[in-house]
Each structure stands twice: as structure tokens, then as C-alpha cells.
Amino acid sequence: MLTYIKWGYGIILLSLVMGCTTGKPTNVQPVTNFDINRYLGQWYEIARLDHSFERNLDRVTATYSLEADNTVKVTNRGFNEKSQQWQQAQGKAKFVDQPDLGHLKVSFFGPFYGSYIIFALEDDYSAALVSSYNYDYLWILSRDKKLDPAVLERYLNRAKLAGFDTDKLIYPQQ
């Protein structure tokens, strides 16, 4: 129970800091021709920039499912090696603009939303590069626990060119 509360506080803090920010970093453009139905399902976190609500977490996954009202249910889950407990947070996502643009807004707490920008995506939806409203948030996601090194290198280069400090990425154990 305590780990759910800790995760929840981190998500609340992020939500309050982000407020209703649906903007994007200067050099980040969402993918076009996006298909939410192909994006649904489980993703493994390959790399991330550090932030308090995921600190010390390994085996991190994000699972997306479509709700009846066309919002997307978001379930983030990770294992805290220090406490030896799973932590989980649930939220919802909506499109910021049109549904074929990889720019959503995600809420884990009430009316507070933050950007979720998919700015690189493999044609087969096997890997994604995701940002939020500023350069403090970056995730590399994969459908598999391991990502092809060539894809990882391409995503690292893309993120670096966009202005992210890729030297600070954390690579959680899967």
C-alpha cells in the first residue's frame, strides 16, 4: 500500500508541476499518421531521464488500453529494488489535437494534464521515443525487453539533436 501512495505522490507532484501543460519542446514534433489502436498494449521502458516518481524502479512497463469514451487508460508499473515492492499508477490520456497526431495529454491526478509526445516511432510500432512538455522528460520504449542496438542508437541521436541530455539517461533493468 505504501508504495502505491509513494508512486501516487510522485505522479501528483508531476501533475502539479506540469499543470495543464500540453506544449512541447522547441525541437520536438509529434509523429503524424499515428494510429492509437496500434500503439495500445504493453511497452517496456528501455531508457528514461531521472525523475522522482520513477526513482529506483526497474522492470518498468507502460500499458495502454482504449476506454469506451475513447480516452486511453494508462497503467505505469515498476519494481523498486530497495523496498522490494511493485509500484503502480493509473491515469488517462486524450489527444491534444487530431487523433492521427502523436500528441496526447496524460493525467494521473484530476484535471491536471501534461504532454505526452511521441516524436519517433517505428513503422511496425515496435519502439517509440517519447517526451513531455520540456527537456526534463524523455523515454525510450520498446515492445520487447531489449531494443535493437541500431534503433537505440538512432533514437539517442534523434533525442540529442532535439536538445535532450542523453548522457543523463537511466537504463532500467528489465
N, C-alpha and C. Protein backbone atom coordinates (compact mmCIF):
# COMPACT_ATOMS: atom_id res chain seq x y z
N MET A 1 0.82 -1.19 0.00
CA MET A 1 0.00 0.00 0.00
C MET A 1 0.87 1.26 0.00
N LEU A 2 1.92 1.24 0.81
CA LEU A 2 2.78 2.41 0.91
C LEU A 2 3.42 2.75 -0.43
N THR A 3 3.80 1.73 -1.21
CA THR A 3 4.44 2.01 -2.49
C THR A 3 3.47 2.65 -3.46
N TYR A 4 2.19 2.27 -3.41
CA TYR A 4 1.20 2.91 -4.27
C TYR A 4 1.05 4.37 -3.89
N ILE A 5 1.09 4.65 -2.59
CA ILE A 5 0.97 6.03 -2.13
C ILE A 5 2.18 6.84 -2.59
N LYS A 6 3.40 6.29 -2.45
CA LYS A 6 4.60 7.00 -2.87
C LYS A 6 4.54 7.29 -4.37
N TRP A 7 4.20 6.29 -5.17
CA TRP A 7 4.09 6.48 -6.62
C TRP A 7 3.04 7.55 -6.89
N GLY A 8 1.93 7.46 -6.18
CA GLY A 8 0.85 8.44 -6.37
C GLY A 8 1.30 9.85 -6.06
N TYR A 9 2.06 10.03 -4.97
CA TYR A 9 2.56 11.36 -4.64
C TYR A 9 3.49 11.89 -5.72
N GLY A 10 4.32 11.02 -6.27
CA GLY A 10 5.20 11.44 -7.36
C GLY A 10 4.41 11.88 -8.58
N ILE A 11 3.38 11.13 -8.91
CA ILE A 11 2.54 11.48 -10.05
C ILE A 11 1.79 12.78 -9.77
N ILE A 12 1.31 12.94 -8.55
CA ILE A 12 0.62 14.19 -8.18
C ILE A 12 1.58 15.36 -8.32
N LEU A 13 2.81 15.19 -7.82
CA LEU A 13 3.80 16.26 -7.91
C LEU A 13 4.08 16.60 -9.37
N LEU A 14 4.27 15.58 -10.20
CA LEU A 14 4.50 15.84 -11.62
C LEU A 14 3.31 16.57 -12.21
N SER A 15 2.11 16.14 -11.87
CA SER A 15 0.91 16.78 -12.41
C SER A 15 0.83 18.24 -11.99
N LEU A 16 1.15 18.52 -10.74
CA LEU A 16 1.09 19.91 -10.27
C LEU A 16 2.16 20.77 -10.94
N VAL A 17 3.36 20.18 -11.10
CA VAL A 17 4.44 20.92 -11.76
C VAL A 17 4.08 21.17 -13.22
N MET A 18 3.53 20.14 -13.86
CA MET A 18 3.19 20.25 -15.27
C MET A 18 1.90 21.03 -15.46
N GLY A 19 1.05 21.06 -14.43
CA GLY A 19 -0.23 21.74 -14.55
C GLY A 19 -0.99 21.19 -15.73
N CYS A 20 -1.48 22.03 -16.55
CA CYS A 20 -2.19 21.61 -17.75
C CYS A 20 -1.34 21.91 -18.97
N THR A 21 -0.07 21.63 -18.88
CA THR A 21 0.87 21.96 -19.92
C THR A 21 0.83 20.92 -21.03
N THR A 22 0.34 21.34 -22.18
CA THR A 22 0.30 20.44 -23.33
C THR A 22 1.23 20.92 -24.43
N GLY A 23 2.16 21.79 -24.06
CA GLY A 23 3.15 22.28 -25.02
C GLY A 23 4.19 21.23 -25.32
N LYS A 24 5.19 21.61 -26.09
CA LYS A 24 6.25 20.68 -26.44
C LYS A 24 7.58 21.43 -26.55
N PRO A 25 8.69 20.69 -26.35
CA PRO A 25 9.99 21.32 -26.52
C PRO A 25 10.15 21.86 -27.95
N THR A 26 10.96 22.86 -28.10
CA THR A 26 11.13 23.57 -29.37
C THR A 26 11.42 22.64 -30.55
N ASN A 27 12.32 21.70 -30.37
CA ASN A 27 12.77 20.86 -31.48
C ASN A 27 12.08 19.50 -31.53
N VAL A 28 10.92 19.39 -30.92
CA VAL A 28 10.19 18.12 -30.89
C VAL A 28 8.87 18.28 -31.63
N GLN A 29 8.66 17.42 -32.62
CA GLN A 29 7.40 17.41 -33.37
C GLN A 29 6.77 16.02 -33.27
N PRO A 30 5.49 15.95 -32.93
CA PRO A 30 4.84 14.65 -32.83
C PRO A 30 4.78 13.94 -34.19
N VAL A 31 4.81 12.60 -34.12
CA VAL A 31 4.68 11.82 -35.35
C VAL A 31 3.31 12.06 -35.97
N THR A 32 3.25 11.94 -37.28
CA THR A 32 1.98 12.07 -38.00
C THR A 32 1.53 10.67 -38.44
N ASN A 33 0.34 10.58 -38.95
CA ASN A 33 -0.24 9.29 -39.35
C ASN A 33 -0.23 8.29 -38.20
N PHE A 34 -0.44 8.80 -36.99
CA PHE A 34 -0.43 7.98 -35.78
C PHE A 34 -1.73 7.19 -35.67
N ASP A 35 -1.61 5.94 -35.24
CA ASP A 35 -2.77 5.06 -35.06
C ASP A 35 -2.79 4.54 -33.63
N ILE A 36 -3.67 5.09 -32.81
CA ILE A 36 -3.72 4.72 -31.40
C ILE A 36 -3.95 3.23 -31.21
N ASN A 37 -4.72 2.61 -32.08
CA ASN A 37 -5.01 1.18 -31.93
C ASN A 37 -3.74 0.34 -32.05
N ARG A 38 -2.81 0.77 -32.85
CA ARG A 38 -1.54 0.05 -32.99
C ARG A 38 -0.60 0.33 -31.82
N TYR A 39 -0.82 1.45 -31.13
CA TYR A 39 0.03 1.85 -30.00
C TYR A 39 -0.40 1.17 -28.70
N LEU A 40 -1.64 0.72 -28.63
CA LEU A 40 -2.17 0.10 -27.42
C LEU A 40 -1.37 -1.14 -27.05
N GLY A 41 -1.45 -1.52 -25.78
CA GLY A 41 -0.76 -2.71 -25.29
C GLY A 41 0.39 -2.34 -24.38
N GLN A 42 1.26 -3.30 -24.15
CA GLN A 42 2.36 -3.11 -23.20
C GLN A 42 3.65 -2.68 -23.88
N TRP A 43 4.32 -1.73 -23.23
CA TRP A 43 5.63 -1.24 -23.66
C TRP A 43 6.61 -1.39 -22.49
N TYR A 44 7.85 -1.69 -22.81
CA TYR A 44 8.92 -1.76 -21.81
C TYR A 44 9.75 -0.50 -21.87
N GLU A 45 10.10 0.01 -20.70
CA GLU A 45 10.94 1.20 -20.65
C GLU A 45 12.40 0.79 -20.81
N ILE A 46 13.00 1.25 -21.89
CA ILE A 46 14.40 0.95 -22.18
C ILE A 46 15.32 1.99 -21.54
N ALA A 47 14.90 3.25 -21.58
CA ALA A 47 15.70 4.34 -21.01
C ALA A 47 14.78 5.48 -20.62
N ARG A 48 15.24 6.30 -19.67
CA ARG A 48 14.48 7.47 -19.22
C ARG A 48 15.42 8.48 -18.59
N LEU A 49 15.00 9.71 -18.59
CA LEU A 49 15.66 10.71 -17.77
C LEU A 49 15.13 10.55 -16.35
N ASP A 50 15.96 10.85 -15.38
CA ASP A 50 15.59 10.64 -13.98
C ASP A 50 14.51 11.62 -13.53
N HIS A 51 13.58 11.12 -12.78
CA HIS A 51 12.58 11.95 -12.12
C HIS A 51 12.07 11.20 -10.90
N SER A 52 11.57 11.93 -9.92
CA SER A 52 11.28 11.35 -8.61
C SER A 52 10.26 10.22 -8.63
N PHE A 53 9.26 10.29 -9.50
CA PHE A 53 8.21 9.28 -9.42
C PHE A 53 8.61 7.93 -10.02
N GLU A 54 9.79 7.84 -10.64
CA GLU A 54 10.27 6.54 -11.11
C GLU A 54 11.63 6.19 -10.52
N ARG A 55 12.07 6.96 -9.56
CA ARG A 55 13.39 6.73 -8.98
C ARG A 55 13.48 5.34 -8.37
N ASN A 56 14.58 4.65 -8.63
CA ASN A 56 14.88 3.30 -8.13
C ASN A 56 14.00 2.21 -8.72
N LEU A 57 13.28 2.50 -9.80
CA LEU A 57 12.41 1.49 -10.39
C LEU A 57 13.09 0.77 -11.55
N ASP A 58 12.95 -0.53 -11.54
CA ASP A 58 13.35 -1.38 -12.65
C ASP A 58 12.10 -2.14 -13.11
N ARG A 59 12.25 -2.90 -14.17
CA ARG A 59 11.15 -3.68 -14.74
C ARG A 59 9.93 -2.79 -14.99
N VAL A 60 10.20 -1.61 -15.53
CA VAL A 60 9.15 -0.61 -15.75
C VAL A 60 8.42 -0.89 -17.06
N THR A 61 7.09 -0.87 -16.96
CA THR A 61 6.25 -1.03 -18.14
C THR A 61 5.19 0.06 -18.15
N ALA A 62 4.71 0.32 -19.34
CA ALA A 62 3.56 1.21 -19.53
C ALA A 62 2.58 0.43 -20.40
N THR A 63 1.34 0.36 -19.95
CA THR A 63 0.31 -0.37 -20.68
C THR A 63 -0.81 0.59 -21.02
N TYR A 64 -1.22 0.57 -22.28
CA TYR A 64 -2.25 1.47 -22.78
C TYR A 64 -3.43 0.65 -23.29
N SER A 65 -4.64 1.07 -22.91
CA SER A 65 -5.85 0.40 -23.40
C SER A 65 -6.91 1.45 -23.66
N LEU A 66 -7.74 1.19 -24.66
CA LEU A 66 -8.77 2.14 -25.06
C LEU A 66 -10.02 1.95 -24.21
N GLU A 67 -10.55 3.04 -23.70
CA GLU A 67 -11.77 3.01 -22.89
C GLU A 67 -12.98 3.28 -23.79
N ALA A 68 -14.16 3.01 -23.27
CA ALA A 68 -15.40 3.19 -24.04
C ALA A 68 -15.60 4.64 -24.49
N ASP A 69 -15.09 5.60 -23.70
CA ASP A 69 -15.26 7.02 -24.04
C ASP A 69 -14.14 7.54 -24.94
N ASN A 70 -13.35 6.63 -25.51
CA ASN A 70 -12.23 6.95 -26.40
C ASN A 70 -11.05 7.62 -25.71
N THR A 71 -11.02 7.60 -24.39
CA THR A 71 -9.80 8.00 -23.70
C THR A 71 -8.91 6.75 -23.61
N VAL A 72 -7.66 6.96 -23.29
CA VAL A 72 -6.72 5.85 -23.18
C VAL A 72 -6.38 5.66 -21.71
N LYS A 73 -6.58 4.46 -21.21
CA LYS A 73 -6.18 4.12 -19.84
C LYS A 73 -4.68 3.86 -19.86
N VAL A 74 -3.97 4.48 -18.93
CA VAL A 74 -2.52 4.36 -18.83
C VAL A 74 -2.19 3.70 -17.50
N THR A 75 -1.46 2.60 -17.55
CA THR A 75 -1.01 1.93 -16.33
C THR A 75 0.50 1.83 -16.38
N ASN A 76 1.16 2.55 -15.47
CA ASN A 76 2.61 2.50 -15.35
C ASN A 76 2.95 1.64 -14.14
N ARG A 77 3.94 0.76 -14.31
CA ARG A 77 4.28 -0.17 -13.25
C ARG A 77 5.78 -0.38 -13.22
N GLY A 78 6.35 -0.48 -12.02
CA GLY A 78 7.77 -0.75 -11.88
C GLY A 78 8.07 -1.39 -10.55
N PHE A 79 9.22 -2.05 -10.48
CA PHE A 79 9.63 -2.74 -9.25
C PHE A 79 10.73 -1.95 -8.58
N ASN A 80 10.52 -1.63 -7.30
CA ASN A 80 11.50 -0.90 -6.51
C ASN A 80 12.40 -1.92 -5.81
N GLU A 81 13.64 -1.99 -6.25
CA GLU A 81 14.58 -2.97 -5.69
C GLU A 81 14.88 -2.69 -4.21
N LYS A 82 14.88 -1.43 -3.83
CA LYS A 82 15.18 -1.09 -2.43
C LYS A 82 14.09 -1.57 -1.49
N SER A 83 12.83 -1.32 -1.83
CA SER A 83 11.72 -1.72 -0.96
C SER A 83 11.21 -3.12 -1.28
N GLN A 84 11.68 -3.67 -2.42
CA GLN A 84 11.24 -4.99 -2.87
C GLN A 84 9.73 -5.03 -3.07
N GLN A 85 9.19 -3.95 -3.63
CA GLN A 85 7.75 -3.87 -3.86
C GLN A 85 7.47 -3.27 -5.24
N TRP A 86 6.35 -3.69 -5.80
CA TRP A 86 5.87 -3.11 -7.05
C TRP A 86 5.20 -1.78 -6.77
N GLN A 87 5.36 -0.85 -7.67
CA GLN A 87 4.68 0.44 -7.61
C GLN A 87 3.89 0.59 -8.90
N GLN A 88 2.71 1.17 -8.79
CA GLN A 88 1.84 1.30 -9.96
C GLN A 88 1.06 2.61 -9.89
N ALA A 89 0.82 3.18 -11.05
CA ALA A 89 0.00 4.39 -11.16
C ALA A 89 -0.89 4.24 -12.37
N GLN A 90 -2.14 4.70 -12.23
CA GLN A 90 -3.07 4.66 -13.35
C GLN A 90 -3.51 6.07 -13.69
N GLY A 91 -3.62 6.31 -14.98
CA GLY A 91 -4.07 7.60 -15.46
C GLY A 91 -4.87 7.45 -16.73
N LYS A 92 -5.12 8.59 -17.35
CA LYS A 92 -5.84 8.55 -18.62
C LYS A 92 -5.21 9.56 -19.56
N ALA A 93 -5.37 9.28 -20.84
CA ALA A 93 -4.79 10.16 -21.87
C ALA A 93 -5.86 10.50 -22.89
N LYS A 94 -5.72 11.70 -23.45
CA LYS A 94 -6.60 12.19 -24.51
C LYS A 94 -5.73 12.86 -25.56
N PHE A 95 -6.22 12.90 -26.78
CA PHE A 95 -5.48 13.61 -27.82
C PHE A 95 -5.56 15.11 -27.60
N VAL A 96 -4.45 15.80 -27.86
CA VAL A 96 -4.42 17.26 -27.75
C VAL A 96 -5.11 17.87 -28.97
N ASP A 97 -4.81 17.34 -30.14
CA ASP A 97 -5.40 17.84 -31.38
C ASP A 97 -6.12 16.69 -32.08
N GLN A 98 -5.73 16.41 -33.28
CA GLN A 98 -6.38 15.34 -34.04
C GLN A 98 -5.80 13.98 -33.66
N PRO A 99 -6.60 12.91 -33.81
CA PRO A 99 -6.18 11.58 -33.38
C PRO A 99 -5.11 10.90 -34.24
N ASP A 100 -4.72 11.51 -35.35
CA ASP A 100 -3.65 10.92 -36.14
C ASP A 100 -2.31 11.61 -35.89
N LEU A 101 -2.25 12.39 -34.81
CA LEU A 101 -1.03 13.08 -34.40
C LEU A 101 -0.60 12.51 -33.05
N GLY A 102 0.66 12.12 -32.93
CA GLY A 102 1.17 11.50 -31.70
C GLY A 102 1.41 12.49 -30.58
N HIS A 103 0.40 13.30 -30.27
CA HIS A 103 0.49 14.29 -29.19
C HIS A 103 -0.74 14.13 -28.31
N LEU A 104 -0.51 13.55 -27.14
CA LEU A 104 -1.60 13.33 -26.19
C LEU A 104 -1.33 14.14 -24.93
N LYS A 105 -2.35 14.24 -24.11
CA LYS A 105 -2.18 14.81 -22.78
C LYS A 105 -2.59 13.72 -21.79
N VAL A 106 -1.78 13.57 -20.75
CA VAL A 106 -1.96 12.49 -19.79
C VAL A 106 -2.21 13.08 -18.41
N SER A 107 -3.14 12.47 -17.68
CA SER A 107 -3.44 12.89 -16.32
C SER A 107 -3.38 11.69 -15.39
N PHE A 108 -2.68 11.86 -14.29
CA PHE A 108 -2.67 10.86 -13.23
C PHE A 108 -3.37 11.40 -11.99
N PHE A 109 -3.83 12.65 -12.08
CA PHE A 109 -4.46 13.27 -10.93
C PHE A 109 -5.43 14.35 -11.39
N GLY A 110 -6.70 14.04 -11.31
CA GLY A 110 -7.75 15.02 -11.56
C GLY A 110 -7.62 15.77 -12.87
N PRO A 111 -7.79 17.06 -12.80
CA PRO A 111 -7.85 17.86 -14.02
C PRO A 111 -6.48 18.28 -14.57
N PHE A 112 -5.41 17.83 -13.94
CA PHE A 112 -4.07 18.25 -14.34
C PHE A 112 -3.53 17.32 -15.43
N TYR A 113 -3.19 17.90 -16.57
CA TYR A 113 -2.68 17.14 -17.71
C TYR A 113 -1.31 17.63 -18.10
N GLY A 114 -0.51 16.71 -18.61
CA GLY A 114 0.79 17.05 -19.16
C GLY A 114 0.97 16.39 -20.50
N SER A 115 1.80 16.97 -21.33
CA SER A 115 2.05 16.46 -22.68
C SER A 115 2.69 15.08 -22.67
N TYR A 116 2.29 14.30 -23.65
CA TYR A 116 2.89 13.00 -23.96
C TYR A 116 3.08 13.04 -25.47
N ILE A 117 4.33 13.27 -25.89
CA ILE A 117 4.62 13.50 -27.30
C ILE A 117 5.46 12.36 -27.85
N ILE A 118 4.90 11.63 -28.77
CA ILE A 118 5.62 10.56 -29.46
C ILE A 118 6.30 11.23 -30.65
N PHE A 119 7.64 11.35 -30.60
CA PHE A 119 8.30 12.07 -31.69
C PHE A 119 9.21 11.19 -32.54
N ALA A 120 9.22 9.91 -32.25
CA ALA A 120 9.81 8.92 -33.16
C ALA A 120 9.08 7.61 -32.88
N LEU A 121 8.78 6.89 -33.95
CA LEU A 121 8.01 5.66 -33.82
C LEU A 121 8.35 4.76 -34.99
N GLU A 122 8.69 3.53 -34.69
CA GLU A 122 8.99 2.58 -35.76
C GLU A 122 7.72 2.31 -36.56
N ASP A 123 7.89 2.02 -37.85
CA ASP A 123 6.73 1.75 -38.71
C ASP A 123 5.87 0.61 -38.20
N ASP A 124 6.51 -0.37 -37.55
CA ASP A 124 5.76 -1.52 -37.02
C ASP A 124 5.34 -1.33 -35.56
N TYR A 125 5.51 -0.12 -35.04
CA TYR A 125 5.13 0.22 -33.67
C TYR A 125 5.86 -0.64 -32.64
N SER A 126 7.12 -0.96 -32.92
CA SER A 126 7.92 -1.78 -32.02
C SER A 126 8.76 -0.96 -31.05
N ALA A 127 8.93 0.33 -31.31
CA ALA A 127 9.73 1.20 -30.44
C ALA A 127 9.24 2.63 -30.62
N ALA A 128 9.39 3.41 -29.53
CA ALA A 128 8.93 4.79 -29.56
C ALA A 128 9.86 5.68 -28.73
N LEU A 129 9.95 6.92 -29.14
CA LEU A 129 10.70 7.94 -28.43
C LEU A 129 9.69 8.98 -27.98
N VAL A 130 9.62 9.20 -26.65
CA VAL A 130 8.54 10.00 -26.07
C VAL A 130 9.11 11.11 -25.19
N SER A 131 8.48 12.27 -25.27
CA SER A 131 8.86 13.43 -24.46
C SER A 131 7.62 13.97 -23.77
N SER A 132 7.86 14.96 -22.94
CA SER A 132 6.76 15.71 -22.35
C SER A 132 6.91 17.17 -22.79
N TYR A 133 6.46 18.08 -21.98
CA TYR A 133 6.40 19.48 -22.38
C TYR A 133 7.75 20.19 -22.36
N ASN A 134 8.78 19.58 -21.73
CA ASN A 134 10.09 20.23 -21.72
C ASN A 134 11.20 19.17 -21.84
N TYR A 135 12.43 19.60 -21.71
CA TYR A 135 13.57 18.70 -21.91
C TYR A 135 13.92 17.87 -20.68
N ASP A 136 13.12 17.92 -19.64
CA ASP A 136 13.37 17.15 -18.43
C ASP A 136 12.79 15.73 -18.50
N TYR A 137 11.97 15.46 -19.49
CA TYR A 137 11.29 14.17 -19.57
C TYR A 137 11.54 13.53 -20.93
N LEU A 138 12.06 12.32 -20.90
CA LEU A 138 12.33 11.58 -22.12
C LEU A 138 12.28 10.09 -21.79
N TRP A 139 11.63 9.34 -22.66
CA TRP A 139 11.55 7.89 -22.51
C TRP A 139 11.82 7.23 -23.85
N ILE A 140 12.52 6.12 -23.81
CA ILE A 140 12.65 5.24 -24.97
C ILE A 140 11.91 3.96 -24.59
N LEU A 141 10.92 3.62 -25.40
CA LEU A 141 10.05 2.48 -25.12
C LEU A 141 10.19 1.44 -26.22
N SER A 142 9.96 0.18 -25.85
CA SER A 142 10.03 -0.91 -26.80
C SER A 142 8.96 -1.95 -26.47
N ARG A 143 8.50 -2.65 -27.48
CA ARG A 143 7.55 -3.75 -27.26
C ARG A 143 8.23 -4.95 -26.63
N ASP A 144 9.55 -5.02 -26.76
CA ASP A 144 10.33 -6.11 -26.18
C ASP A 144 11.20 -5.58 -25.06
N LYS A 145 11.66 -6.48 -24.21
CA LYS A 145 12.50 -6.08 -23.08
C LYS A 145 13.86 -5.55 -23.52
N LYS A 146 14.27 -5.88 -24.73
CA LYS A 146 15.53 -5.38 -25.28
C LYS A 146 15.23 -4.71 -26.60
N LEU A 147 15.98 -3.65 -26.87
CA LEU A 147 15.81 -2.89 -28.10
C LEU A 147 17.01 -3.11 -29.00
N ASP A 148 16.75 -3.28 -30.26
CA ASP A 148 17.81 -3.43 -31.24
C ASP A 148 18.81 -2.28 -31.07
N PRO A 149 20.11 -2.58 -30.93
CA PRO A 149 21.11 -1.53 -30.71
C PRO A 149 21.10 -0.44 -31.78
N ALA A 150 20.80 -0.79 -33.01
CA ALA A 150 20.77 0.22 -34.09
C ALA A 150 19.61 1.19 -33.88
N VAL A 151 18.46 0.67 -33.44
CA VAL A 151 17.30 1.53 -33.16
C VAL A 151 17.61 2.42 -31.96
N LEU A 152 18.20 1.83 -30.92
CA LEU A 152 18.56 2.62 -29.74
C LEU A 152 19.50 3.75 -30.12
N GLU A 153 20.52 3.46 -30.90
CA GLU A 153 21.48 4.49 -31.32
C GLU A 153 20.79 5.59 -32.13
N ARG A 154 19.89 5.19 -33.01
CA ARG A 154 19.15 6.17 -33.82
C ARG A 154 18.30 7.07 -32.92
N TYR A 155 17.64 6.48 -31.93
CA TYR A 155 16.81 7.27 -31.02
C TYR A 155 17.65 8.18 -30.13
N LEU A 156 18.79 7.68 -29.69
CA LEU A 156 19.68 8.53 -28.88
C LEU A 156 20.15 9.73 -29.70
N ASN A 157 20.52 9.50 -30.94
CA ASN A 157 20.95 10.61 -31.82
C ASN A 157 19.81 11.59 -32.06
N ARG A 158 18.63 11.07 -32.29
CA ARG A 158 17.47 11.94 -32.53
C ARG A 158 17.16 12.80 -31.31
N ALA A 159 17.20 12.18 -30.12
CA ALA A 159 16.94 12.91 -28.88
C ALA A 159 18.01 13.97 -28.64
N LYS A 160 19.26 13.61 -28.88
CA LYS A 160 20.36 14.56 -28.68
C LYS A 160 20.22 15.75 -29.63
N LEU A 161 19.91 15.49 -30.90
CA LEU A 161 19.70 16.56 -31.87
C LEU A 161 18.53 17.46 -31.48
N ALA A 162 17.54 16.89 -30.81
CA ALA A 162 16.38 17.67 -30.37
C ALA A 162 16.70 18.52 -29.14
N GLY A 163 17.83 18.26 -28.47
CA GLY A 163 18.22 19.07 -27.33
C GLY A 163 18.21 18.35 -25.99
N PHE A 164 17.96 17.05 -25.96
CA PHE A 164 17.95 16.30 -24.70
C PHE A 164 19.36 15.90 -24.31
N ASP A 165 19.63 15.87 -23.01
CA ASP A 165 20.93 15.45 -22.49
C ASP A 165 20.91 13.93 -22.34
N THR A 166 21.25 13.23 -23.40
CA THR A 166 21.18 11.78 -23.40
C THR A 166 22.23 11.12 -22.51
N ASP A 167 23.25 11.88 -22.10
CA ASP A 167 24.24 11.33 -21.18
C ASP A 167 23.63 11.07 -19.80
N LYS A 168 22.50 11.67 -19.51
CA LYS A 168 21.85 11.51 -18.21
C LYS A 168 20.76 10.43 -18.21
N LEU A 169 20.63 9.71 -19.31
CA LEU A 169 19.62 8.66 -19.37
C LEU A 169 19.93 7.52 -18.41
N ILE A 170 18.89 6.97 -17.84
CA ILE A 170 18.95 5.79 -16.97
C ILE A 170 18.42 4.63 -17.79
N TYR A 171 19.08 3.48 -17.67
CA TYR A 171 18.67 2.29 -18.39
C TYR A 171 18.21 1.24 -17.37
N PRO A 172 16.91 1.21 -17.07
CA PRO A 172 16.44 0.28 -16.03
C PRO A 172 16.59 -1.18 -16.45
N GLN A 173 16.77 -2.04 -15.48
CA GLN A 173 16.84 -3.47 -15.76
C GLN A 173 15.45 -3.96 -16.11
N GLN A 174 15.38 -4.84 -17.08
CA GLN A 174 14.10 -5.47 -17.42
C GLN A 174 14.17 -6.92 -16.99
